[in-house]
């Protein structure tokens, strides 16, 4: 992740003390800020405290690809007409952020940071724009230099993903899906919730059964090794709450991670490395040329676990991640 504050979320995160949920719901209303469609219309209050309103339930929704994927997991279907953000890989396959969303059935109005085709967006006649917020109130992947042209075209909703614990953004996406008419009692949704709950307990059990295992979350670039602050990320902070010993860097810059030169990649001894596996980040095969990487104890032990540092905030999206992480913690050997 690039070293400047501005690029800290735009680099690897772009290319590829929290408020509790109870307080949030109290602020937004007991149903997460949504109001059923009645003669009075439709509304939903987002995490900025802003109310998106419409005469009727939105039928044409454009969303950040990860947001769209989460809503899709909760049962939102044909209403998703457009996406922006990393959607397709160079070979045409779906980006991991797309989850189970059929990327060939939606209009892609931008596939990288800074790409947002306003003409395509307007042509979709959107009823609603939905995205994430890593640095509230900034809307993720909505370009600053054109937001004044984009935002007037449709009501917008932003969800806070940093300095919150994982269940909160999942439940907020669930609430919006319900407000859009999704059936949260459908079998795939309830099965995903049950799987998620079981996966949570598996992480808790793994941490208890294998105490002292230190976990480092990081991303690699050609010049720098970025050590993520688990207190900021929804998934990492949740792992901490389940008893996992997550390493906290002591010189965080830009709010999200500490930038280390490759010569100093061994600053924080770890037993497991969660390595950002998005397409913009260097993967283990790319890092073999870095002598300092190959010398890390976790690398020598083969204790590297893929980490999608932008979680897909649904039960279906997070359950497999928790399961894989639980196995990694359970099976890890102490090497640091």
Foldseek 3Di string as FASTA:
>chain_A
DDDDLVCPCQACVFAQVADALVVQCVLLDVLQVWDAQDCCFTWHQAPVRDIFTDNYQWQAEEEAQLLVQLLVLLPDPNNDAEYEGQAADPVGHGFVSNPPPPSVRHHYQYRGAPGGNQVVVLVSQGAEYEAEDLPPPDGRSCDPVCVVVRPVSYPYHYHYFWLAAQVNSLSSSNSVSVNNPGDCPDPSNVVLVVLLVVLLVLLLVLCVQQPPAEEWEWFADPFWIWTWALSTGRHSVSSVVSNHHYDGDDDDDSPTTDTDGLVCPPVDQGQAYAYEDTPSTDDPVRCPVRVSVCPRQNNVVVRYHYDSRDFSSHSNRCSVVSNSVSVSSNPTDDRD
